[in-house]
Amino acid sequence: MNLAIIIPAYNEEKVLKSVLESLPSKLKGIEKIFTVVTDDGSKDKTYSIAKKYATVALRHKINLGAGSATITGIRYAVRILKPDIVITMDSDGQHDPKNIPTLIEPITASQADVVIGSRMLDTIGMPVIKIFTNKIANLITFIFSGIWTTDSQTGFRSYSKYALSKIHLRTTGYEYCTEVFSEIKRNHLKFVEVPVKVIYSDYSKSKGQSISNSLNIIIRLINRNLTKL
């Protein structure tokens, strides 16, 4: 089996090299591991670092959003690299690569189509504001998808080849995280949650979603659903 790790990145020159170097070069049951970085219109050296340390470096000329950057990476991987499993993870260093085997095991064991790496199953050390905003986002996700999840906004996920053949995403920002759950329900895909540890540094704490951004997500999700009517 082959694995592709998709990493959307925007102005991450400070940490991207260490993130890429920390990824595993070998995993049990995996023949090849590809890393695909999508530079989402960065103004720093993110793209140069990606070209040097990732298997594939893609680039948006302008900043389109986390959803667009993730989707670009996934589409490239599916069409060109043809992996059996795809993992998405953030580029700010908060996701611990040691959790990757946990993310892929339910798929290799044919127990799930999508695996959600949940930070909320073990919130020790997680900033209170992030716990609060995540709970709001979980409620939003339930309203729009009908699926309850403990961590709807995590970027640390894995997908089987079958799941990616069914999931079709249209949103561009962080609302794509919620849209995935709508696609899981629409296509009757099986998903599981697994606990993941998060590496919180001053840098990673400055990233992520705010309450105001949660409101923007609601507006964009409403617009998306209206266009489907």
C-alpha atoms as a PDB file:
ATOM      1  CA  MET A   1       0.000   0.000   0.000  1.00  0.00           C
ATOM      2  CA  ASN A   2       1.080   3.560  -0.705  1.00  0.00           C
ATOM      3  CA  LEU A   3       0.485   6.576   1.529  1.00  0.00           C
ATOM      4  CA  ALA A   4       0.297  10.262   0.601  1.00  0.00           C
ATOM      5  CA  ILE A   5       0.575  12.906   3.326  1.00  0.00           C
ATOM      6  CA  ILE A   6      -1.069  16.176   2.286  1.00  0.00           C
ATOM      7  CA  ILE A   7       0.084  19.365   4.004  1.00  0.00           C
ATOM      8  CA  PRO A   8      -1.530  22.735   3.200  1.00  0.00           C
ATOM      9  CA  ALA A   9       0.780  25.600   4.130  1.00  0.00           C
ATOM     10  CA  TYR A  10       0.535  29.369   4.320  1.00  0.00           C
ATOM     11  CA  ASN A  11       3.525  31.428   5.497  1.00  0.00           C
ATOM     12  CA  GLU A  12       5.066  28.523   7.414  1.00  0.00           C
ATOM     13  CA  GLU A  13       8.767  29.018   6.646  1.00  0.00           C
ATOM     14  CA  LYS A  14       9.591  28.960  10.373  1.00  0.00           C
ATOM     15  CA  VAL A  15       8.444  25.392  10.960  1.00  0.00           C
ATOM     16  CA  LEU A  16       7.785  23.640   7.630  1.00  0.00           C
ATOM     17  CA  LYS A  17      11.280  22.140   7.309  1.00  0.00           C
ATOM     18  CA  SER A  18      11.110  20.561  10.778  1.00  0.00           C
ATOM     19  CA  VAL A  19       7.577  19.283  10.100  1.00  0.00           C
ATOM     20  CA  LEU A  20       8.639  17.573   6.879  1.00  0.00           C
ATOM     21  CA  GLU A  21      11.806  16.132   8.415  1.00  0.00           C
ATOM     22  CA  SER A  22       9.803  14.690  11.315  1.00  0.00           C
ATOM     23  CA  LEU A  23       7.563  12.592   9.057  1.00  0.00           C
ATOM     24  CA  PRO A  24       8.220   8.836   9.011  1.00  0.00           C
ATOM     25  CA  SER A  25      10.213   7.370   6.133  1.00  0.00           C
ATOM     26  CA  LYS A  26       8.922   3.853   6.840  1.00  0.00           C
ATOM     27  CA  LEU A  27       5.657   2.454   8.181  1.00  0.00           C
ATOM     28  CA  LYS A  28       4.528  -1.120   8.682  1.00  0.00           C
ATOM     29  CA  GLY A  29       2.450  -2.294   5.743  1.00  0.00           C
ATOM     30  CA  ILE A  30       3.239   0.806   3.666  1.00  0.00           C
ATOM     31  CA  GLU A  31       5.476   0.444   0.621  1.00  0.00           C
ATOM     32  CA  LYS A  32       5.854   4.103  -0.371  1.00  0.00           C
ATOM     33  CA  ILE A  33       5.267   7.380   1.491  1.00  0.00           C
ATOM     34  CA  PHE A  34       4.749  10.582  -0.496  1.00  0.00           C
ATOM     35  CA  THR A  35       4.585  14.084   0.979  1.00  0.00           C
ATOM     36  CA  VAL A  36       2.629  16.749  -0.889  1.00  0.00           C
ATOM     37  CA  VAL A  37       2.761  20.381   0.250  1.00  0.00           C
ATOM     38  CA  THR A  38       0.398  22.965  -1.197  1.00  0.00           C
ATOM     39  CA  ASP A  39       1.732  26.473  -0.674  1.00  0.00           C
ATOM     40  CA  ASP A  40      -1.415  28.592  -0.495  1.00  0.00           C
ATOM     41  CA  GLY A  41      -0.046  31.871  -1.839  1.00  0.00           C
ATOM     42  CA  SER A  42       2.586  32.395   0.849  1.00  0.00           C
ATOM     43  CA  LYS A  43       4.632  35.581   0.934  1.00  0.00           C
ATOM     44  CA  ASP A  44       7.650  33.965   2.581  1.00  0.00           C
ATOM     45  CA  LYS A  45       9.926  31.020   1.681  1.00  0.00           C
ATOM     46  CA  THR A  46       7.331  28.302   2.261  1.00  0.00           C
ATOM     47  CA  TYR A  47       7.342  27.154  -1.370  1.00  0.00           C
ATOM     48  CA  SER A  48      11.146  27.009  -1.582  1.00  0.00           C
ATOM     49  CA  ILE A  49      11.286  24.856   1.544  1.00  0.00           C
ATOM     50  CA  ALA A  50       8.536  22.606   0.229  1.00  0.00           C
ATOM     51  CA  LYS A  51      10.375  22.073  -3.071  1.00  0.00           C
ATOM     52  CA  LYS A  52      13.480  21.006  -1.172  1.00  0.00           C
ATOM     53  CA  TYR A  53      12.011  18.736   1.488  1.00  0.00           C
ATOM     54  CA  ALA A  54       8.661  17.411   0.167  1.00  0.00           C
ATOM     55  CA  THR A  55       8.082  14.798  -2.519  1.00  0.00           C
ATOM     56  CA  VAL A  56       5.859  17.254  -4.379  1.00  0.00           C
ATOM     57  CA  ALA A  57       5.451  21.018  -3.947  1.00  0.00           C
ATOM     58  CA  LEU A  58       2.336  22.658  -5.381  1.00  0.00           C
ATOM     59  CA  ARG A  59       1.563  26.358  -5.349  1.00  0.00           C
ATOM     60  CA  HIS A  60      -1.434  28.666  -5.440  1.00  0.00           C
ATOM     61  CA  LYS A  61      -0.505  32.073  -6.833  1.00  0.00           C
ATOM     62  CA  ILE A  62      -2.882  33.717  -4.355  1.00  0.00           C
ATOM     63  CA  ASN A  63      -4.202  32.708  -0.950  1.00  0.00           C
ATOM     64  CA  LEU A  64      -7.395  30.696  -1.521  1.00  0.00           C
ATOM     65  CA  GLY A  65      -7.943  29.141   1.904  1.00  0.00           C
ATOM     66  CA  ALA A  66      -7.120  26.013   3.872  1.00  0.00           C
ATOM     67  CA  GLY A  67      -9.848  24.033   2.144  1.00  0.00           C
ATOM     68  CA  SER A  68      -8.608  24.876  -1.327  1.00  0.00           C
ATOM     69  CA  ALA A  69      -5.006  24.067  -0.421  1.00  0.00           C
ATOM     70  CA  THR A  70      -6.020  20.717   1.044  1.00  0.00           C
ATOM     71  CA  ILE A  71      -8.235  19.824  -1.908  1.00  0.00           C
ATOM     72  CA  THR A  72      -5.489  20.758  -4.398  1.00  0.00           C
ATOM     73  CA  GLY A  73      -3.081  18.419  -2.629  1.00  0.00           C
ATOM     74  CA  ILE A  74      -5.580  15.575  -2.429  1.00  0.00           C
ATOM     75  CA  ARG A  75      -6.582  15.871  -6.093  1.00  0.00           C
ATOM     76  CA  TYR A  76      -2.967  15.857  -7.221  1.00  0.00           C
ATOM     77  CA  ALA A  77      -2.189  12.817  -5.091  1.00  0.00           C
ATOM     78  CA  VAL A  78      -5.227  10.854  -6.277  1.00  0.00           C
ATOM     79  CA  ARG A  79      -4.615  11.583  -9.964  1.00  0.00           C
ATOM     80  CA  ILE A  80      -0.829  11.343 -10.099  1.00  0.00           C
ATOM     81  CA  LEU A  81       0.470   9.373  -7.108  1.00  0.00           C
ATOM     82  CA  LYS A  82      -2.556   7.043  -6.804  1.00  0.00           C
ATOM     83  CA  PRO A  83      -2.175   6.291  -3.066  1.00  0.00           C
ATOM     84  CA  ASP A  84      -4.212   3.717  -1.177  1.00  0.00           C
ATOM     85  CA  ILE A  85      -4.440   6.021   1.849  1.00  0.00           C
ATOM     86  CA  VAL A  86      -4.275   9.809   2.161  1.00  0.00           C
ATOM     87  CA  ILE A  87      -3.495  11.654   5.379  1.00  0.00           C
ATOM     88  CA  THR A  88      -4.027  15.378   5.842  1.00  0.00           C
ATOM     89  CA  MET A  89      -2.160  17.278   8.524  1.00  0.00           C
ATOM     90  CA  ASP A  90      -1.379  20.864   9.435  1.00  0.00           C
ATOM     91  CA  SER A  91       1.903  22.569   8.628  1.00  0.00           C
ATOM     92  CA  ASP A  92       2.360  24.481  11.899  1.00  0.00           C
ATOM     93  CA  GLY A  93       3.931  21.619  13.840  1.00  0.00           C
ATOM     94  CA  GLN A  94       1.009  20.873  16.147  1.00  0.00           C
ATOM     95  CA  HIS A  95       0.340  17.377  14.766  1.00  0.00           C
ATOM     96  CA  ASP A  96       2.594  14.656  16.116  1.00  0.00           C
ATOM     97  CA  PRO A  97       3.778  12.314  13.319  1.00  0.00           C
ATOM     98  CA  LYS A  98       3.929   9.516  15.896  1.00  0.00           C
ATOM     99  CA  ASN A  99       0.130   9.374  15.611  1.00  0.00           C
ATOM    100  CA  ILE A 100       0.222   8.488  11.906  1.00  0.00           C
ATOM    101  CA  PRO A 101       0.172   4.684  12.468  1.00  0.00           C
ATOM    102  CA  THR A 102      -2.924   5.144  14.655  1.00  0.00           C
ATOM    103  CA  LEU A 103      -4.612   7.097  11.866  1.00  0.00           C
ATOM    104  CA  ILE A 104      -4.005   4.534   9.146  1.00  0.00           C
ATOM    105  CA  GLU A 105      -4.598   1.326  11.138  1.00  0.00           C
ATOM    106  CA  PRO A 106      -8.443   1.380  10.948  1.00  0.00           C
ATOM    107  CA  ILE A 107      -8.196   1.750   7.166  1.00  0.00           C
ATOM    108  CA  THR A 108      -5.610  -0.983   6.632  1.00  0.00           C
ATOM    109  CA  ALA A 109      -7.778  -3.222   8.848  1.00  0.00           C
ATOM    110  CA  SER A 110     -10.848  -2.397   6.700  1.00  0.00           C
ATOM    111  CA  GLN A 111     -12.640  -0.981   9.739  1.00  0.00           C
ATOM    112  CA  ALA A 112     -13.206   2.547   8.413  1.00  0.00           C
ATOM    113  CA  ASP A 113     -13.245   4.681   5.284  1.00  0.00           C
ATOM    114  CA  VAL A 114     -12.324   7.887   7.113  1.00  0.00           C
ATOM    115  CA  VAL A 115     -10.406   8.287  10.369  1.00  0.00           C
ATOM    116  CA  ILE A 116     -10.647  11.470  12.436  1.00  0.00           C
ATOM    117  CA  GLY A 117      -7.700  12.330  14.662  1.00  0.00           C
ATOM    118  CA  SER A 118      -9.524  13.882  17.615  1.00  0.00           C
ATOM    119  CA  ARG A 119      -7.773  16.285  19.967  1.00  0.00           C
ATOM    120  CA  MET A 120     -10.890  16.391  22.136  1.00  0.00           C
ATOM    121  CA  LEU A 121     -10.608  12.800  23.360  1.00  0.00           C
ATOM    122  CA  ASP A 122      -7.673  13.947  25.493  1.00  0.00           C
ATOM    123  CA  THR A 123      -7.682  17.704  26.100  1.00  0.00           C
ATOM    124  CA  ILE A 124      -4.840  17.793  28.635  1.00  0.00           C
ATOM    125  CA  GLY A 125      -2.719  20.829  27.786  1.00  0.00           C
ATOM    126  CA  MET A 126      -5.210  22.142  25.228  1.00  0.00           C
ATOM    127  CA  PRO A 127      -5.914  25.888  25.612  1.00  0.00           C
ATOM    128  CA  VAL A 128      -9.381  26.548  27.049  1.00  0.00           C
ATOM    129  CA  ILE A 129     -10.309  28.907  24.202  1.00  0.00           C
ATOM    130  CA  LYS A 130      -9.564  26.172  21.651  1.00  0.00           C
ATOM    131  CA  ILE A 131     -11.728  23.690  23.560  1.00  0.00           C
ATOM    132  CA  PHE A 132     -14.559  26.232  23.562  1.00  0.00           C
ATOM    133  CA  THR A 133     -14.303  27.123  19.858  1.00  0.00           C
ATOM    134  CA  ASN A 134     -14.092  23.434  18.956  1.00  0.00           C
ATOM    135  CA  LYS A 135     -17.323  22.706  20.805  1.00  0.00           C
ATOM    136  CA  ILE A 136     -19.046  25.513  18.908  1.00  0.00           C
ATOM    137  CA  ALA A 137     -17.703  24.115  15.638  1.00  0.00           C
ATOM    138  CA  ASN A 138     -18.890  20.619  16.577  1.00  0.00           C
ATOM    139  CA  LEU A 139     -22.412  21.943  17.065  1.00  0.00           C
ATOM    140  CA  ILE A 140     -22.256  23.754  13.716  1.00  0.00           C
ATOM    141  CA  THR A 141     -21.088  20.553  12.055  1.00  0.00           C
ATOM    142  CA  PHE A 142     -23.940  18.571  13.600  1.00  0.00           C
ATOM    143  CA  ILE A 143     -26.505  21.118  12.388  1.00  0.00           C
ATOM    144  CA  PHE A 144     -25.227  21.029   8.806  1.00  0.00           C
ATOM    145  CA  SER A 145     -24.214  17.373   8.470  1.00  0.00           C
ATOM    146  CA  GLY A 146     -26.318  15.467  10.984  1.00  0.00           C
ATOM    147  CA  ILE A 147     -23.171  13.808  12.346  1.00  0.00           C
ATOM    148  CA  TRP A 148     -21.850  14.325  15.862  1.00  0.00           C
ATOM    149  CA  THR A 149     -18.087  14.303  16.216  1.00  0.00           C
ATOM    150  CA  THR A 150     -15.831  15.277  19.092  1.00  0.00           C
ATOM    151  CA  ASP A 151     -13.430  17.238  16.862  1.00  0.00           C
ATOM    152  CA  SER A 152     -14.953  18.505  13.638  1.00  0.00           C
ATOM    153  CA  GLN A 153     -12.162  20.960  12.849  1.00  0.00           C
ATOM    154  CA  THR A 154      -9.117  18.759  13.166  1.00  0.00           C
ATOM    155  CA  GLY A 155      -6.898  18.761  10.104  1.00  0.00           C
ATOM    156  CA  PHE A 156      -5.356  15.432  11.109  1.00  0.00           C
ATOM    157  CA  ARG A 157      -7.380  12.821   9.200  1.00  0.00           C
ATOM    158  CA  SER A 158      -6.945   9.812   6.964  1.00  0.00           C
ATOM    159  CA  TYR A 159      -8.988   8.663   3.974  1.00  0.00           C
ATOM    160  CA  SER A 160      -9.156   5.409   2.063  1.00  0.00           C
ATOM    161  CA  LYS A 161      -8.970   5.375  -1.716  1.00  0.00           C
ATOM    162  CA  TYR A 162     -12.641   4.422  -1.768  1.00  0.00           C
ATOM    163  CA  ALA A 163     -13.630   7.365   0.439  1.00  0.00           C
ATOM    164  CA  LEU A 164     -11.794   9.817  -1.803  1.00  0.00           C
ATOM    165  CA  SER A 165     -13.599   8.439  -4.846  1.00  0.00           C
ATOM    166  CA  LYS A 166     -16.903   9.383  -3.177  1.00  0.00           C
ATOM    167  CA  ILE A 167     -16.135  12.638  -1.356  1.00  0.00           C
ATOM    168  CA  HIS A 168     -16.545  15.810  -3.426  1.00  0.00           C
ATOM    169  CA  LEU A 169     -15.653  19.061  -1.696  1.00  0.00           C
ATOM    170  CA  ARG A 170     -16.540  22.559  -2.899  1.00  0.00           C
ATOM    171  CA  THR A 171     -15.710  24.880  -0.016  1.00  0.00           C
ATOM    172  CA  THR A 172     -12.440  26.780   0.187  1.00  0.00           C
ATOM    173  CA  GLY A 173     -11.884  27.838   3.793  1.00  0.00           C
ATOM    174  CA  TYR A 174     -11.991  25.993   7.112  1.00  0.00           C
ATOM    175  CA  GLU A 175     -15.626  25.125   6.429  1.00  0.00           C
ATOM    176  CA  TYR A 176     -14.317  22.237   4.320  1.00  0.00           C
ATOM    177  CA  CYS A 177     -13.740  20.448   7.647  1.00  0.00           C
ATOM    178  CA  THR A 178     -17.501  20.433   8.209  1.00  0.00           C
ATOM    179  CA  GLU A 179     -18.266  19.648   4.577  1.00  0.00           C
ATOM    180  CA  VAL A 180     -16.326  16.393   4.884  1.00  0.00           C
ATOM    181  CA  PHE A 181     -18.857  15.141   7.430  1.00  0.00           C
ATOM    182  CA  SER A 182     -21.735  16.024   5.101  1.00  0.00           C
ATOM    183  CA  GLU A 183     -20.008  13.934   2.450  1.00  0.00           C
ATOM    184  CA  ILE A 184     -19.462  11.072   4.878  1.00  0.00           C
ATOM    185  CA  LYS A 185     -23.185  10.961   5.598  1.00  0.00           C
ATOM    186  CA  ARG A 186     -24.261  11.460   1.972  1.00  0.00           C
ATOM    187  CA  ASN A 187     -22.109   8.555   0.805  1.00  0.00           C
ATOM    188  CA  HIS A 188     -22.756   6.298   3.813  1.00  0.00           C
ATOM    189  CA  LEU A 189     -19.055   6.116   4.611  1.00  0.00           C
ATOM    190  CA  LYS A 190     -17.846   4.549   7.836  1.00  0.00           C
ATOM    191  CA  PHE A 191     -15.718   6.781  10.050  1.00  0.00           C
ATOM    192  CA  VAL A 192     -14.047   6.376  13.413  1.00  0.00           C
ATOM    193  CA  GLU A 193     -12.317   8.741  15.777  1.00  0.00           C
ATOM    194  CA  VAL A 194      -8.941   8.039  17.326  1.00  0.00           C
ATOM    195  CA  PRO A 195      -7.216  10.121  20.007  1.00  0.00           C
ATOM    196  CA  VAL A 196      -4.220  12.191  18.925  1.00  0.00           C
ATOM    197  CA  LYS A 197      -1.773  14.218  20.930  1.00  0.00           C
ATOM    198  CA  VAL A 198      -1.169  17.819  19.905  1.00  0.00           C
ATOM    199  CA  ILE A 199       2.132  19.640  20.273  1.00  0.00           C
ATOM    200  CA  TYR A 200       1.245  23.085  21.610  1.00  0.00           C
ATOM    201  CA  SER A 201       3.919  25.723  21.204  1.00  0.00           C
ATOM    202  CA  ASP A 202       3.500  29.491  21.303  1.00  0.00           C
ATOM    203  CA  TYR A 203       3.625  29.339  17.513  1.00  0.00           C
ATOM    204  CA  SER A 204       0.936  26.667  17.059  1.00  0.00           C
ATOM    205  CA  LYS A 205      -1.289  28.305  19.684  1.00  0.00           C
ATOM    206  CA  SER A 206      -1.395  31.425  17.539  1.00  0.00           C
ATOM    207  CA  LYS A 207      -2.862  29.401  14.680  1.00  0.00           C
ATOM    208  CA  GLY A 208      -6.320  27.899  14.218  1.00  0.00           C
ATOM    209  CA  GLN A 209      -9.804  29.309  14.385  1.00  0.00           C
ATOM    210  CA  SER A 210     -11.288  32.141  16.394  1.00  0.00           C
ATOM    211  CA  ILE A 211     -14.892  32.645  17.434  1.00  0.00           C
ATOM    212  CA  SER A 212     -15.298  35.291  14.716  1.00  0.00           C
ATOM    213  CA  ASN A 213     -14.029  32.817  12.146  1.00  0.00           C
ATOM    214  CA  SER A 214     -16.604  30.302  13.363  1.00  0.00           C
ATOM    215  CA  LEU A 215     -19.299  32.847  12.501  1.00  0.00           C
ATOM    216  CA  ASN A 216     -17.808  33.265   9.018  1.00  0.00           C
ATOM    217  CA  ILE A 217     -17.902  29.493   8.598  1.00  0.00           C
ATOM    218  CA  ILE A 218     -21.612  29.450   9.462  1.00  0.00           C
ATOM    219  CA  ILE A 219     -22.319  32.099   6.813  1.00  0.00           C
ATOM    220  CA  ARG A 220     -20.370  30.250   4.138  1.00  0.00           C
ATOM    221  CA  LEU A 221     -22.035  26.934   5.000  1.00  0.00           C
ATOM    222  CA  ILE A 222     -25.475  28.554   4.771  1.00  0.00           C
ATOM    223  CA  ASN A 223     -24.566  29.947   1.350  1.00  0.00           C
ATOM    224  CA  ARG A 224     -23.303  26.545   0.238  1.00  0.00           C
ATOM    225  CA  ASN A 225     -26.522  24.829   1.260  1.00  0.00           C
ATOM    226  CA  LEU A 226     -28.668  27.511  -0.370  1.00  0.00           C
ATOM    227  CA  THR A 227     -26.888  27.011  -3.689  1.00  0.00           C
ATOM    228  CA  LYS A 228     -27.804  23.314  -3.528  1.00  0.00           C
ATOM    229  CA  LEU A 229     -31.556  24.065  -3.331  1.00  0.00           C
END
